[in-house]
Amino acid sequence: MEETIRILMIDDHPMIIEGYQNTLLFTKKEHQNLEIDIANNCDEAIYCMERSLKIQKPYDLLFIDISLPASKDGTMNSGEDLAVHARKILPKSKVVILTMFNESYRIHNIIKTINPDGFLIKSDLPSSELASAFQAVLNNPPFYSGTVSSYLKKTITSDIYVDEKNRKILHLLSQGVKTKNLAEHLELSLSAVEKRKKHLKTLFMVEDGEDETLINEARKKGFI
């Protein structure tokens, strides 16, 4: 019995979209009929999603790149915003995130805010893995590529708990942001930031008190 699968692919690089399409069409099961729409930015993606609801043919699967041109009205600034929106208006659709970002902070944030059915780091992605991810997400989600799985294993086995603000401190420090400038990024006072940094250094057993040592220890344990 033929199964029609409606897919929306969202990426601002036409060559990448073409590669995804060809892979899925070449590796699909015999009984699967793929109907694939394409969007190159947030506005096109929103239009496609709303149209699918209007014609009562909602998408079964959305592939969403994180780095996308913002919508013209400024309400959507990335694929992350788009995925959150998709979760609201297409609650039955499966969402697969694709991104070049492989920092632990970004991975953690995407899992927390979107809880994707598939999460693929593009550098992990030979065509065979995309084909496997497609079938796995359809039948037995979630599917995470190697980098994401490795991050999750590290954080699950770690006995260190780091809350959202402290994760952001670690991420910003790793990006070279100075302590005196952290407060403006976090809506905290400078003294509150310094207390949190001191707590982090205790958690990660940083004996020399150096930010660089803290970053290295946090990175080893998968928090950056």
N, C-alpha and C. Protein backbone atom coordinates (compact mmCIF):
# COMPACT_ATOMS: atom_id res chain seq x y z
N MET A 1 0.85 -1.20 0.00
CA MET A 1 0.00 0.00 0.00
C MET A 1 0.88 1.25 0.00
N GLU A 2 0.63 2.17 -0.93
CA GLU A 2 1.47 3.36 -1.07
C GLU A 2 1.24 4.32 0.10
N GLU A 3 2.34 4.90 0.58
CA GLU A 3 2.28 5.87 1.67
C GLU A 3 2.83 7.20 1.16
N THR A 4 2.01 8.24 1.19
CA THR A 4 2.47 9.57 0.77
C THR A 4 3.02 10.31 1.98
N ILE A 5 4.24 10.79 1.84
CA ILE A 5 4.91 11.52 2.93
C ILE A 5 5.16 12.94 2.45
N ARG A 6 4.57 13.92 3.13
CA ARG A 6 4.72 15.32 2.76
C ARG A 6 5.87 15.94 3.55
N ILE A 7 6.80 16.52 2.84
CA ILE A 7 8.04 17.02 3.43
C ILE A 7 8.26 18.48 3.06
N LEU A 8 8.69 19.28 4.04
CA LEU A 8 9.13 20.65 3.77
C LEU A 8 10.60 20.74 4.13
N MET A 9 11.43 21.11 3.14
CA MET A 9 12.87 21.28 3.37
C MET A 9 13.19 22.77 3.39
N ILE A 10 13.81 23.22 4.48
CA ILE A 10 14.07 24.65 4.66
C ILE A 10 15.58 24.86 4.83
N ASP A 11 16.18 25.48 3.83
CA ASP A 11 17.63 25.76 3.85
C ASP A 11 17.88 26.86 2.83
N ASP A 12 18.81 27.76 3.11
CA ASP A 12 19.05 28.86 2.18
C ASP A 12 20.14 28.56 1.16
N HIS A 13 20.57 27.30 1.08
CA HIS A 13 21.56 26.90 0.08
C HIS A 13 20.92 25.90 -0.89
N PRO A 14 20.57 26.33 -2.10
CA PRO A 14 19.89 25.44 -3.06
C PRO A 14 20.63 24.14 -3.34
N MET A 15 21.97 24.19 -3.37
CA MET A 15 22.74 22.97 -3.65
C MET A 15 22.55 21.93 -2.54
N ILE A 16 22.49 22.41 -1.29
CA ILE A 16 22.30 21.49 -0.16
C ILE A 16 20.91 20.88 -0.24
N ILE A 17 19.89 21.71 -0.51
CA ILE A 17 18.52 21.21 -0.66
C ILE A 17 18.45 20.14 -1.74
N GLU A 18 19.10 20.42 -2.87
CA GLU A 18 19.09 19.46 -3.98
C GLU A 18 19.72 18.14 -3.56
N GLY A 19 20.81 18.23 -2.79
CA GLY A 19 21.46 17.01 -2.30
C GLY A 19 20.56 16.21 -1.37
N TYR A 20 19.88 16.91 -0.45
CA TYR A 20 18.93 16.23 0.45
C TYR A 20 17.82 15.54 -0.33
N GLN A 21 17.25 16.30 -1.27
CA GLN A 21 16.15 15.76 -2.08
C GLN A 21 16.57 14.48 -2.80
N ASN A 22 17.70 14.57 -3.50
CA ASN A 22 18.17 13.42 -4.28
C ASN A 22 18.43 12.21 -3.40
N THR A 23 19.00 12.45 -2.21
CA THR A 23 19.28 11.35 -1.29
C THR A 23 17.99 10.66 -0.86
N LEU A 24 17.00 11.45 -0.47
CA LEU A 24 15.75 10.87 0.01
C LEU A 24 15.00 10.15 -1.11
N LEU A 25 14.97 10.76 -2.28
CA LEU A 25 14.26 10.14 -3.41
C LEU A 25 14.95 8.84 -3.86
N PHE A 26 16.27 8.81 -3.76
CA PHE A 26 17.03 7.63 -4.19
C PHE A 26 16.93 6.49 -3.18
N THR A 27 16.79 6.83 -1.90
CA THR A 27 16.86 5.80 -0.85
C THR A 27 15.49 5.47 -0.23
N LYS A 28 14.43 6.12 -0.67
CA LYS A 28 13.11 5.86 -0.08
C LYS A 28 12.68 4.42 -0.32
N LYS A 29 11.79 3.94 0.52
CA LYS A 29 11.23 2.59 0.35
C LYS A 29 10.29 2.57 -0.86
N GLU A 30 10.09 1.40 -1.42
CA GLU A 30 9.27 1.27 -2.63
C GLU A 30 7.85 1.79 -2.43
N HIS A 31 7.29 1.59 -1.24
CA HIS A 31 5.90 1.98 -1.00
C HIS A 31 5.76 3.46 -0.63
N GLN A 32 6.88 4.17 -0.52
CA GLN A 32 6.83 5.57 -0.09
C GLN A 32 6.80 6.52 -1.30
N ASN A 33 5.84 7.43 -1.29
CA ASN A 33 5.74 8.48 -2.30
C ASN A 33 6.03 9.81 -1.61
N LEU A 34 7.11 10.48 -2.01
CA LEU A 34 7.52 11.71 -1.33
C LEU A 34 7.03 12.94 -2.08
N GLU A 35 6.34 13.82 -1.37
CA GLU A 35 5.94 15.12 -1.92
C GLU A 35 6.77 16.17 -1.19
N ILE A 36 7.74 16.77 -1.87
CA ILE A 36 8.71 17.65 -1.24
C ILE A 36 8.52 19.10 -1.67
N ASP A 37 8.31 19.99 -0.69
CA ASP A 37 8.30 21.42 -0.94
C ASP A 37 9.60 22.01 -0.40
N ILE A 38 9.97 23.17 -0.95
CA ILE A 38 11.24 23.80 -0.59
C ILE A 38 11.00 25.24 -0.16
N ALA A 39 11.71 25.66 0.90
CA ALA A 39 11.70 27.06 1.32
C ALA A 39 13.14 27.48 1.59
N ASN A 40 13.50 28.70 1.15
CA ASN A 40 14.88 29.18 1.31
C ASN A 40 15.06 30.20 2.41
N ASN A 41 13.97 30.58 3.08
CA ASN A 41 14.07 31.55 4.18
C ASN A 41 12.85 31.41 5.08
N CYS A 42 12.83 32.18 6.15
CA CYS A 42 11.74 32.06 7.13
C CYS A 42 10.38 32.42 6.53
N ASP A 43 10.32 33.48 5.72
CA ASP A 43 9.03 33.89 5.15
C ASP A 43 8.45 32.81 4.25
N GLU A 44 9.29 32.24 3.40
CA GLU A 44 8.81 31.17 2.51
C GLU A 44 8.34 29.96 3.32
N ALA A 45 9.08 29.65 4.39
CA ALA A 45 8.72 28.50 5.23
C ALA A 45 7.38 28.71 5.93
N ILE A 46 7.17 29.91 6.45
CA ILE A 46 5.90 30.22 7.12
C ILE A 46 4.75 30.11 6.13
N TYR A 47 4.95 30.65 4.92
CA TYR A 47 3.92 30.57 3.88
C TYR A 47 3.57 29.11 3.57
N CYS A 48 4.59 28.27 3.40
CA CYS A 48 4.36 26.86 3.09
C CYS A 48 3.60 26.15 4.21
N MET A 49 4.00 26.43 5.44
CA MET A 49 3.34 25.78 6.59
C MET A 49 1.87 26.18 6.68
N GLU A 50 1.61 27.48 6.52
CA GLU A 50 0.23 27.96 6.61
C GLU A 50 -0.62 27.44 5.45
N ARG A 51 -0.01 27.37 4.27
CA ARG A 51 -0.75 26.84 3.11
C ARG A 51 -1.09 25.36 3.31
N SER A 52 -0.16 24.60 3.90
CA SER A 52 -0.41 23.17 4.12
C SER A 52 -1.61 22.96 5.04
N LEU A 53 -1.76 23.87 6.00
CA LEU A 53 -2.93 23.79 6.89
C LEU A 53 -4.21 24.18 6.15
N LYS A 54 -4.11 25.21 5.30
CA LYS A 54 -5.27 25.71 4.57
C LYS A 54 -5.85 24.65 3.63
N ILE A 55 -4.94 23.90 2.98
CA ILE A 55 -5.41 22.88 2.03
C ILE A 55 -5.59 21.51 2.72
N GLN A 56 -5.43 21.54 4.07
CA GLN A 56 -5.63 20.33 4.90
C GLN A 56 -4.69 19.19 4.49
N LYS A 57 -3.46 19.57 4.18
CA LYS A 57 -2.42 18.58 3.91
C LYS A 57 -1.17 18.97 4.69
N PRO A 58 -1.25 18.89 6.02
CA PRO A 58 -0.09 19.30 6.83
C PRO A 58 1.12 18.40 6.56
N TYR A 59 2.29 18.98 6.74
CA TYR A 59 3.52 18.22 6.49
C TYR A 59 3.71 17.12 7.52
N ASP A 60 4.24 16.00 7.06
CA ASP A 60 4.62 14.91 7.97
C ASP A 60 5.98 15.17 8.58
N LEU A 61 6.83 15.88 7.82
CA LEU A 61 8.22 16.02 8.22
C LEU A 61 8.77 17.36 7.75
N LEU A 62 9.48 18.05 8.65
CA LEU A 62 10.14 19.30 8.29
C LEU A 62 11.63 19.17 8.57
N PHE A 63 12.45 19.45 7.55
CA PHE A 63 13.89 19.57 7.72
C PHE A 63 14.21 21.05 7.84
N ILE A 64 14.77 21.48 8.97
CA ILE A 64 14.98 22.91 9.21
C ILE A 64 16.45 23.20 9.51
N ASP A 65 17.06 24.04 8.67
CA ASP A 65 18.42 24.50 8.94
C ASP A 65 18.34 25.63 9.98
N ILE A 66 19.30 25.67 10.90
CA ILE A 66 19.26 26.68 11.95
C ILE A 66 19.63 28.07 11.41
N SER A 67 20.60 28.15 10.50
CA SER A 67 21.03 29.45 9.97
C SER A 67 20.20 29.83 8.76
N LEU A 68 19.23 30.71 8.98
CA LEU A 68 18.33 31.13 7.90
C LEU A 68 18.18 32.65 7.91
N PRO A 69 17.93 33.27 6.75
CA PRO A 69 17.61 34.70 6.74
C PRO A 69 16.34 34.97 7.55
N ALA A 70 16.35 36.04 8.32
CA ALA A 70 15.22 36.39 9.18
C ALA A 70 13.99 36.76 8.35
N SER A 71 12.83 36.65 8.99
CA SER A 71 11.59 37.06 8.32
C SER A 71 11.55 38.59 8.19
N LYS A 72 10.80 39.08 7.22
CA LYS A 72 10.77 40.52 6.96
C LYS A 72 10.19 41.31 8.13
N ASP A 73 9.26 40.68 8.88
CA ASP A 73 8.66 41.41 10.01
C ASP A 73 9.49 41.28 11.29
N GLY A 74 10.60 40.54 11.23
CA GLY A 74 11.50 40.44 12.38
C GLY A 74 11.06 39.48 13.47
N THR A 75 9.95 38.76 13.27
CA THR A 75 9.48 37.85 14.32
C THR A 75 10.24 36.53 14.33
N MET A 76 10.83 36.16 13.20
CA MET A 76 11.61 34.93 13.10
C MET A 76 13.04 35.29 12.70
N ASN A 77 14.00 34.94 13.54
CA ASN A 77 15.38 35.32 13.26
C ASN A 77 16.29 34.16 12.91
N SER A 78 15.76 32.95 12.97
CA SER A 78 16.60 31.77 12.70
C SER A 78 15.70 30.56 12.51
N GLY A 79 16.32 29.45 12.12
CA GLY A 79 15.59 28.20 12.03
C GLY A 79 15.09 27.73 13.39
N GLU A 80 15.78 28.14 14.44
CA GLU A 80 15.35 27.78 15.79
C GLU A 80 13.97 28.39 16.09
N ASP A 81 13.81 29.68 15.76
CA ASP A 81 12.51 30.34 15.94
C ASP A 81 11.44 29.65 15.08
N LEU A 82 11.83 29.31 13.87
CA LEU A 82 10.91 28.67 12.93
C LEU A 82 10.44 27.31 13.45
N ALA A 83 11.37 26.55 14.04
CA ALA A 83 11.02 25.23 14.57
C ALA A 83 10.06 25.34 15.75
N VAL A 84 10.27 26.34 16.60
CA VAL A 84 9.35 26.58 17.72
C VAL A 84 7.96 26.91 17.18
N HIS A 85 7.91 27.74 16.14
CA HIS A 85 6.63 28.11 15.50
C HIS A 85 5.97 26.86 14.89
N ALA A 86 6.77 26.04 14.23
CA ALA A 86 6.23 24.82 13.61
C ALA A 86 5.62 23.89 14.65
N ARG A 87 6.26 23.80 15.80
CA ARG A 87 5.73 22.96 16.88
C ARG A 87 4.33 23.41 17.31
N LYS A 88 4.09 24.73 17.23
CA LYS A 88 2.80 25.26 17.66
C LYS A 88 1.71 25.02 16.61
N ILE A 89 2.04 25.31 15.33
CA ILE A 89 0.97 25.25 14.33
C ILE A 89 0.87 23.90 13.63
N LEU A 90 1.93 23.09 13.71
CA LEU A 90 1.91 21.75 13.12
C LEU A 90 2.35 20.72 14.16
N PRO A 91 1.55 20.56 15.21
CA PRO A 91 1.98 19.73 16.34
C PRO A 91 2.23 18.27 15.99
N LYS A 92 1.64 17.77 14.92
CA LYS A 92 1.83 16.37 14.55
C LYS A 92 3.00 16.15 13.60
N SER A 93 3.56 17.24 13.08
CA SER A 93 4.69 17.13 12.16
C SER A 93 5.96 16.80 12.92
N LYS A 94 6.78 15.97 12.32
CA LYS A 94 8.08 15.65 12.91
C LYS A 94 9.09 16.70 12.44
N VAL A 95 9.94 17.14 13.36
CA VAL A 95 10.90 18.21 13.08
C VAL A 95 12.32 17.66 13.15
N VAL A 96 13.07 17.86 12.05
CA VAL A 96 14.48 17.47 12.01
C VAL A 96 15.31 18.74 11.88
N ILE A 97 16.24 18.93 12.82
CA ILE A 97 17.13 20.10 12.80
C ILE A 97 18.44 19.71 12.12
N LEU A 98 18.89 20.58 11.22
CA LEU A 98 20.20 20.42 10.59
C LEU A 98 21.01 21.69 10.85
N THR A 99 22.26 21.54 11.24
CA THR A 99 23.06 22.72 11.55
C THR A 99 24.54 22.44 11.42
N MET A 100 25.30 23.51 11.18
CA MET A 100 26.76 23.42 11.21
C MET A 100 27.28 23.62 12.63
N PHE A 101 26.44 24.21 13.51
CA PHE A 101 26.87 24.48 14.88
C PHE A 101 27.08 23.17 15.63
N ASN A 102 28.23 23.03 16.28
CA ASN A 102 28.46 21.80 17.06
C ASN A 102 28.90 22.09 18.48
N GLU A 103 28.74 23.36 18.96
CA GLU A 103 29.09 23.65 20.35
C GLU A 103 28.03 23.06 21.28
N SER A 104 28.49 22.55 22.40
CA SER A 104 27.58 21.88 23.33
C SER A 104 26.47 22.81 23.81
N TYR A 105 26.79 24.10 24.00
CA TYR A 105 25.77 25.03 24.48
C TYR A 105 24.62 25.12 23.47
N ARG A 106 24.96 25.22 22.18
CA ARG A 106 23.92 25.32 21.16
C ARG A 106 23.11 24.03 21.07
N ILE A 107 23.80 22.90 21.15
CA ILE A 107 23.11 21.60 21.10
C ILE A 107 22.13 21.49 22.27
N HIS A 108 22.59 21.85 23.47
CA HIS A 108 21.73 21.79 24.66
C HIS A 108 20.51 22.67 24.48
N ASN A 109 20.73 23.90 23.98
CA ASN A 109 19.64 24.86 23.86
C ASN A 109 18.59 24.39 22.85
N ILE A 110 19.05 23.81 21.74
CA ILE A 110 18.13 23.33 20.70
C ILE A 110 17.30 22.16 21.22
N ILE A 111 17.95 21.25 21.93
CA ILE A 111 17.22 20.10 22.50
C ILE A 111 16.19 20.58 23.51
N LYS A 112 16.58 21.56 24.32
CA LYS A 112 15.66 22.04 25.36
C LYS A 112 14.47 22.79 24.77
N THR A 113 14.71 23.67 23.79
CA THR A 113 13.63 24.52 23.29
C THR A 113 12.77 23.84 22.24
N ILE A 114 13.36 22.93 21.46
CA ILE A 114 12.63 22.32 20.34
C ILE A 114 12.31 20.85 20.56
N ASN A 115 13.20 20.14 21.27
CA ASN A 115 13.06 18.69 21.43
C ASN A 115 12.82 18.02 20.07
N PRO A 116 13.78 18.16 19.14
CA PRO A 116 13.54 17.70 17.77
C PRO A 116 13.44 16.18 17.66
N ASP A 117 12.73 15.74 16.64
CA ASP A 117 12.61 14.31 16.36
C ASP A 117 13.88 13.79 15.69
N GLY A 118 14.62 14.70 15.09
CA GLY A 118 15.92 14.37 14.52
C GLY A 118 16.82 15.57 14.69
N PHE A 119 18.11 15.32 14.94
CA PHE A 119 19.07 16.42 15.15
C PHE A 119 20.37 16.00 14.50
N LEU A 120 20.71 16.68 13.39
CA LEU A 120 21.85 16.27 12.58
C LEU A 120 22.84 17.42 12.45
N ILE A 121 24.10 17.16 12.80
CA ILE A 121 25.17 18.11 12.54
C ILE A 121 25.68 17.85 11.12
N LYS A 122 25.69 18.89 10.29
CA LYS A 122 25.98 18.70 8.86
C LYS A 122 27.33 18.04 8.62
N SER A 123 28.32 18.35 9.47
CA SER A 123 29.65 17.76 9.27
C SER A 123 29.65 16.26 9.58
N ASP A 124 28.62 15.76 10.27
CA ASP A 124 28.50 14.32 10.57
C ASP A 124 27.81 13.55 9.44
N LEU A 125 27.40 14.25 8.39
CA LEU A 125 26.29 13.76 7.57
C LEU A 125 26.66 13.24 6.18
N PRO A 126 27.12 12.00 6.06
CA PRO A 126 27.16 11.40 4.72
C PRO A 126 25.73 11.10 4.27
N SER A 127 25.55 10.90 2.98
CA SER A 127 24.19 10.68 2.47
C SER A 127 23.54 9.45 3.09
N SER A 128 24.35 8.44 3.44
CA SER A 128 23.78 7.23 4.04
C SER A 128 23.16 7.54 5.40
N GLU A 129 23.77 8.49 6.15
CA GLU A 129 23.22 8.83 7.46
C GLU A 129 21.93 9.62 7.32
N LEU A 130 21.85 10.49 6.32
CA LEU A 130 20.61 11.23 6.09
C LEU A 130 19.48 10.25 5.77
N ALA A 131 19.77 9.24 4.96
CA ALA A 131 18.75 8.23 4.61
C ALA A 131 18.31 7.48 5.85
N SER A 132 19.26 7.10 6.70
CA SER A 132 18.93 6.38 7.94
C SER A 132 18.11 7.27 8.86
N ALA A 133 18.51 8.54 8.96
CA ALA A 133 17.79 9.49 9.83
C ALA A 133 16.35 9.64 9.37
N PHE A 134 16.15 9.75 8.07
CA PHE A 134 14.80 9.92 7.50
C PHE A 134 13.89 8.77 7.90
N GLN A 135 14.34 7.55 7.71
CA GLN A 135 13.51 6.39 8.05
C GLN A 135 13.32 6.27 9.56
N ALA A 136 14.37 6.55 10.32
CA ALA A 136 14.27 6.45 11.79
C ALA A 136 13.30 7.47 12.35
N VAL A 137 13.36 8.69 11.85
CA VAL A 137 12.46 9.74 12.34
C VAL A 137 11.01 9.41 12.01
N LEU A 138 10.78 8.84 10.85
CA LEU A 138 9.42 8.44 10.47
C LEU A 138 8.88 7.34 11.37
N ASN A 139 9.74 6.37 11.71
CA ASN A 139 9.26 5.16 12.37
C ASN A 139 9.60 5.03 13.86
N ASN A 140 10.73 5.61 14.27
CA ASN A 140 11.15 5.41 15.65
C ASN A 140 12.02 6.57 16.13
N PRO A 141 11.44 7.79 16.19
CA PRO A 141 12.25 8.94 16.62
C PRO A 141 12.57 8.86 18.12
N PRO A 142 13.60 9.58 18.59
CA PRO A 142 14.41 10.53 17.83
C PRO A 142 15.64 9.86 17.20
N PHE A 143 16.25 10.59 16.26
CA PHE A 143 17.51 10.16 15.65
C PHE A 143 18.50 11.31 15.80
N TYR A 144 19.64 11.04 16.44
CA TYR A 144 20.68 12.06 16.63
C TYR A 144 21.96 11.62 15.94
N SER A 145 22.61 12.54 15.25
CA SER A 145 23.88 12.20 14.61
C SER A 145 24.99 12.10 15.67
N GLY A 146 26.18 11.69 15.23
CA GLY A 146 27.25 11.32 16.16
C GLY A 146 27.61 12.39 17.17
N THR A 147 27.79 13.63 16.73
CA THR A 147 28.20 14.71 17.64
C THR A 147 27.15 14.94 18.72
N VAL A 148 25.87 14.92 18.34
CA VAL A 148 24.78 15.15 19.30
C VAL A 148 24.72 13.98 20.29
N SER A 149 24.83 12.76 19.81
CA SER A 149 24.80 11.58 20.69
C SER A 149 25.95 11.62 21.68
N SER A 150 27.13 12.02 21.20
CA SER A 150 28.31 12.10 22.07
C SER A 150 28.10 13.13 23.17
N TYR A 151 27.53 14.29 22.80
CA TYR A 151 27.24 15.33 23.80
C TYR A 151 26.27 14.81 24.86
N LEU A 152 25.21 14.14 24.42
CA LEU A 152 24.21 13.63 25.36
C LEU A 152 24.81 12.60 26.31
N LYS A 153 25.65 11.73 25.79
CA LYS A 153 26.29 10.73 26.66
C LYS A 153 27.13 11.40 27.74
N LYS A 154 27.87 12.42 27.35
CA LYS A 154 28.73 13.12 28.32
C LYS A 154 27.91 13.78 29.41
N THR A 155 26.81 14.45 29.01
CA THR A 155 26.03 15.18 30.01
C THR A 155 25.22 14.24 30.89
N ILE A 156 24.77 13.10 30.32
CA ILE A 156 24.00 12.14 31.12
C ILE A 156 24.90 11.47 32.17
N THR A 157 26.15 11.15 31.78
CA THR A 157 27.03 10.44 32.70
C THR A 157 27.71 11.39 33.69
N SER A 158 27.68 12.70 33.39
CA SER A 158 28.32 13.64 34.31
C SER A 158 27.46 13.84 35.56
N ASP A 159 28.11 13.97 36.72
CA ASP A 159 27.37 14.22 37.95
C ASP A 159 27.35 15.72 38.27
N ILE A 160 27.75 16.53 37.32
CA ILE A 160 27.76 17.99 37.51
C ILE A 160 26.47 18.57 36.92
N TYR A 161 25.74 19.34 37.73
CA TYR A 161 24.54 20.01 37.23
C TYR A 161 24.88 21.48 36.98
N VAL A 162 24.61 21.95 35.78
CA VAL A 162 24.88 23.34 35.42
C VAL A 162 23.59 23.94 34.88
N ASP A 163 23.06 24.98 35.55
CA ASP A 163 21.80 25.55 35.10
C ASP A 163 21.99 26.41 33.85
N GLU A 164 20.88 26.93 33.33
CA GLU A 164 20.90 27.62 32.03
C GLU A 164 21.80 28.86 32.04
N LYS A 165 21.72 29.66 33.12
CA LYS A 165 22.54 30.88 33.20
C LYS A 165 24.03 30.51 33.22
N ASN A 166 24.37 29.47 33.99
CA ASN A 166 25.77 29.08 34.07
C ASN A 166 26.28 28.49 32.77
N ARG A 167 25.41 27.77 32.06
CA ARG A 167 25.80 27.27 30.73
C ARG A 167 26.11 28.45 29.81
N LYS A 168 25.31 29.49 29.91
CA LYS A 168 25.54 30.65 29.05
C LYS A 168 26.84 31.35 29.43
N ILE A 169 27.15 31.42 30.72
CA ILE A 169 28.42 32.00 31.15
C ILE A 169 29.58 31.22 30.53
N LEU A 170 29.52 29.90 30.60
CA LEU A 170 30.58 29.07 30.02
C LEU A 170 30.70 29.31 28.52
N HIS A 171 29.56 29.36 27.85
CA HIS A 171 29.55 29.57 26.40
C HIS A 171 30.17 30.93 26.05
N LEU A 172 29.75 31.97 26.75
CA LEU A 172 30.25 33.32 26.46
C LEU A 172 31.75 33.43 26.75
N LEU A 173 32.19 32.85 27.87
CA LEU A 173 33.62 32.85 28.19
C LEU A 173 34.42 32.15 27.09
N SER A 174 33.87 31.05 26.58
CA SER A 174 34.57 30.31 25.52
C SER A 174 34.64 31.10 24.22
N GLN A 175 33.71 32.07 24.06
CA GLN A 175 33.70 32.93 22.88
C GLN A 175 34.58 34.17 23.06
N GLY A 176 35.25 34.26 24.23
CA GLY A 176 36.17 35.38 24.48
C GLY A 176 35.55 36.59 25.13
N VAL A 177 34.29 36.48 25.61
CA VAL A 177 33.65 37.61 26.29
C VAL A 177 34.27 37.79 27.67
N LYS A 178 34.67 39.03 28.00
CA LYS A 178 35.29 39.33 29.29
C LYS A 178 34.24 39.32 30.41
N THR A 179 34.70 39.00 31.63
CA THR A 179 33.79 38.93 32.79
C THR A 179 33.00 40.22 32.96
N LYS A 180 33.67 41.36 32.78
CA LYS A 180 32.98 42.65 33.00
C LYS A 180 31.84 42.88 32.00
N ASN A 181 31.90 42.15 30.87
CA ASN A 181 30.84 42.31 29.85
C ASN A 181 29.78 41.22 29.90
N LEU A 182 29.97 40.23 30.78
CA LEU A 182 29.00 39.13 30.85
C LEU A 182 27.63 39.59 31.35
N ALA A 183 27.65 40.54 32.31
CA ALA A 183 26.39 40.95 32.95
C ALA A 183 25.36 41.43 31.94
N GLU A 184 25.81 42.19 30.92
CA GLU A 184 24.86 42.75 29.95
C GLU A 184 24.23 41.66 29.08
N HIS A 185 24.92 40.53 28.92
CA HIS A 185 24.38 39.42 28.13
C HIS A 185 23.40 38.57 28.94
N LEU A 186 23.47 38.66 30.26
CA LEU A 186 22.75 37.71 31.11
C LEU A 186 21.67 38.33 31.98
N GLU A 187 21.54 39.66 31.93
CA GLU A 187 20.58 40.37 32.79
C GLU A 187 20.85 40.06 34.26
N LEU A 188 22.14 40.05 34.61
CA LEU A 188 22.57 39.86 35.99
C LEU A 188 23.50 41.00 36.37
N SER A 189 23.66 41.23 37.68
CA SER A 189 24.65 42.20 38.13
C SER A 189 26.04 41.58 38.01
N LEU A 190 27.06 42.43 37.99
CA LEU A 190 28.44 41.93 37.89
C LEU A 190 28.78 41.05 39.08
N SER A 191 28.30 41.43 40.27
CA SER A 191 28.59 40.61 41.47
C SER A 191 27.93 39.24 41.36
N ALA A 192 26.72 39.17 40.78
CA ALA A 192 26.03 37.88 40.60
C ALA A 192 26.79 37.00 39.61
N VAL A 193 27.32 37.64 38.56
CA VAL A 193 28.12 36.89 37.57
C VAL A 193 29.36 36.33 38.24
N GLU A 194 30.03 37.15 39.04
CA GLU A 194 31.27 36.70 39.70
C GLU A 194 31.00 35.56 40.67
N LYS A 195 29.85 35.61 41.36
CA LYS A 195 29.48 34.51 42.27
C LYS A 195 29.26 33.22 41.48
N ARG A 196 28.60 33.34 40.35
CA ARG A 196 28.34 32.16 39.52
C ARG A 196 29.65 31.58 38.97
N LYS A 197 30.55 32.45 38.55
CA LYS A 197 31.84 31.98 38.06
C LYS A 197 32.61 31.25 39.16
N LYS A 198 32.56 31.79 40.36
CA LYS A 198 33.24 31.15 41.49
C LYS A 198 32.65 29.76 41.75
N HIS A 199 31.32 29.68 41.68
CA HIS A 199 30.62 28.40 41.88
C HIS A 199 31.02 27.40 40.79
N LEU A 200 31.10 27.87 39.55
CA LEU A 200 31.49 27.00 38.44
C LEU A 200 32.91 26.47 38.64
N LYS A 201 33.80 27.30 39.10
CA LYS A 201 35.18 26.87 39.31
C LYS A 201 35.28 25.83 40.42
N THR A 202 34.39 25.96 41.40
CA THR A 202 34.33 24.93 42.45
C THR A 202 33.80 23.62 41.88
N LEU A 203 32.71 23.71 41.10
CA LEU A 203 32.11 22.52 40.50
C LEU A 203 33.10 21.75 39.63
N PHE A 204 33.86 22.49 38.83
CA PHE A 204 34.79 21.85 37.90
C PHE A 204 36.20 21.68 38.50
N MET A 205 36.31 21.95 39.80
CA MET A 205 37.57 21.75 40.54
C MET A 205 38.74 22.48 39.87
N VAL A 206 38.52 23.77 39.59
CA VAL A 206 39.55 24.62 38.99
C VAL A 206 40.39 25.20 40.13
N GLU A 207 41.59 24.69 40.29
CA GLU A 207 42.41 25.08 41.44
C GLU A 207 43.20 26.36 41.20
N ASP A 208 43.53 26.65 39.93
CA ASP A 208 44.36 27.84 39.67
C ASP A 208 43.53 29.12 39.49
N GLY A 209 42.18 28.98 39.49
CA GLY A 209 41.31 30.15 39.41
C GLY A 209 41.23 30.80 38.04
N GLU A 210 41.86 30.21 37.03
CA GLU A 210 41.91 30.82 35.70
C GLU A 210 40.67 30.48 34.87
N ASP A 211 40.16 31.48 34.15
CA ASP A 211 39.01 31.24 33.27
C ASP A 211 39.33 30.20 32.20
N GLU A 212 40.56 30.25 31.68
CA GLU A 212 40.95 29.31 30.62
C GLU A 212 40.89 27.86 31.11
N THR A 213 41.28 27.64 32.36
CA THR A 213 41.22 26.29 32.94
C THR A 213 39.77 25.85 33.08
N LEU A 214 38.91 26.79 33.53
CA LEU A 214 37.48 26.49 33.65
C LEU A 214 36.90 26.09 32.29
N ILE A 215 37.22 26.85 31.27
CA ILE A 215 36.71 26.55 29.92
C ILE A 215 37.18 25.17 29.46
N ASN A 216 38.46 24.87 29.70
CA ASN A 216 39.00 23.57 29.28
C ASN A 216 38.32 22.41 30.01
N GLU A 217 38.09 22.58 31.31
CA GLU A 217 37.45 21.51 32.09
C GLU A 217 35.99 21.34 31.66
N ALA A 218 35.30 22.45 31.45
CA ALA A 218 33.90 22.37 31.01
C ALA A 218 33.80 21.74 29.62
N ARG A 219 34.76 22.06 28.75
CA ARG A 219 34.77 21.48 27.41
C ARG A 219 35.00 19.97 27.46
N LYS A 220 35.91 19.53 28.32
CA LYS A 220 36.20 18.09 28.46
C LYS A 220 34.95 17.32 28.86
N LYS A 221 34.12 17.95 29.67
CA LYS A 221 32.92 17.27 30.18
C LYS A 221 31.69 17.52 29.31
N GLY A 222 31.87 18.19 28.19
CA GLY A 222 30.77 18.34 27.24
C GLY A 222 29.83 19.49 27.50
N PHE A 223 30.22 20.46 28.34
CA PHE A 223 29.33 21.58 28.64
C PHE A 223 29.57 22.77 27.71
N ILE A 224 30.60 22.71 26.89
CA ILE A 224 30.86 23.75 25.89
C ILE A 224 31.02 23.07 24.53
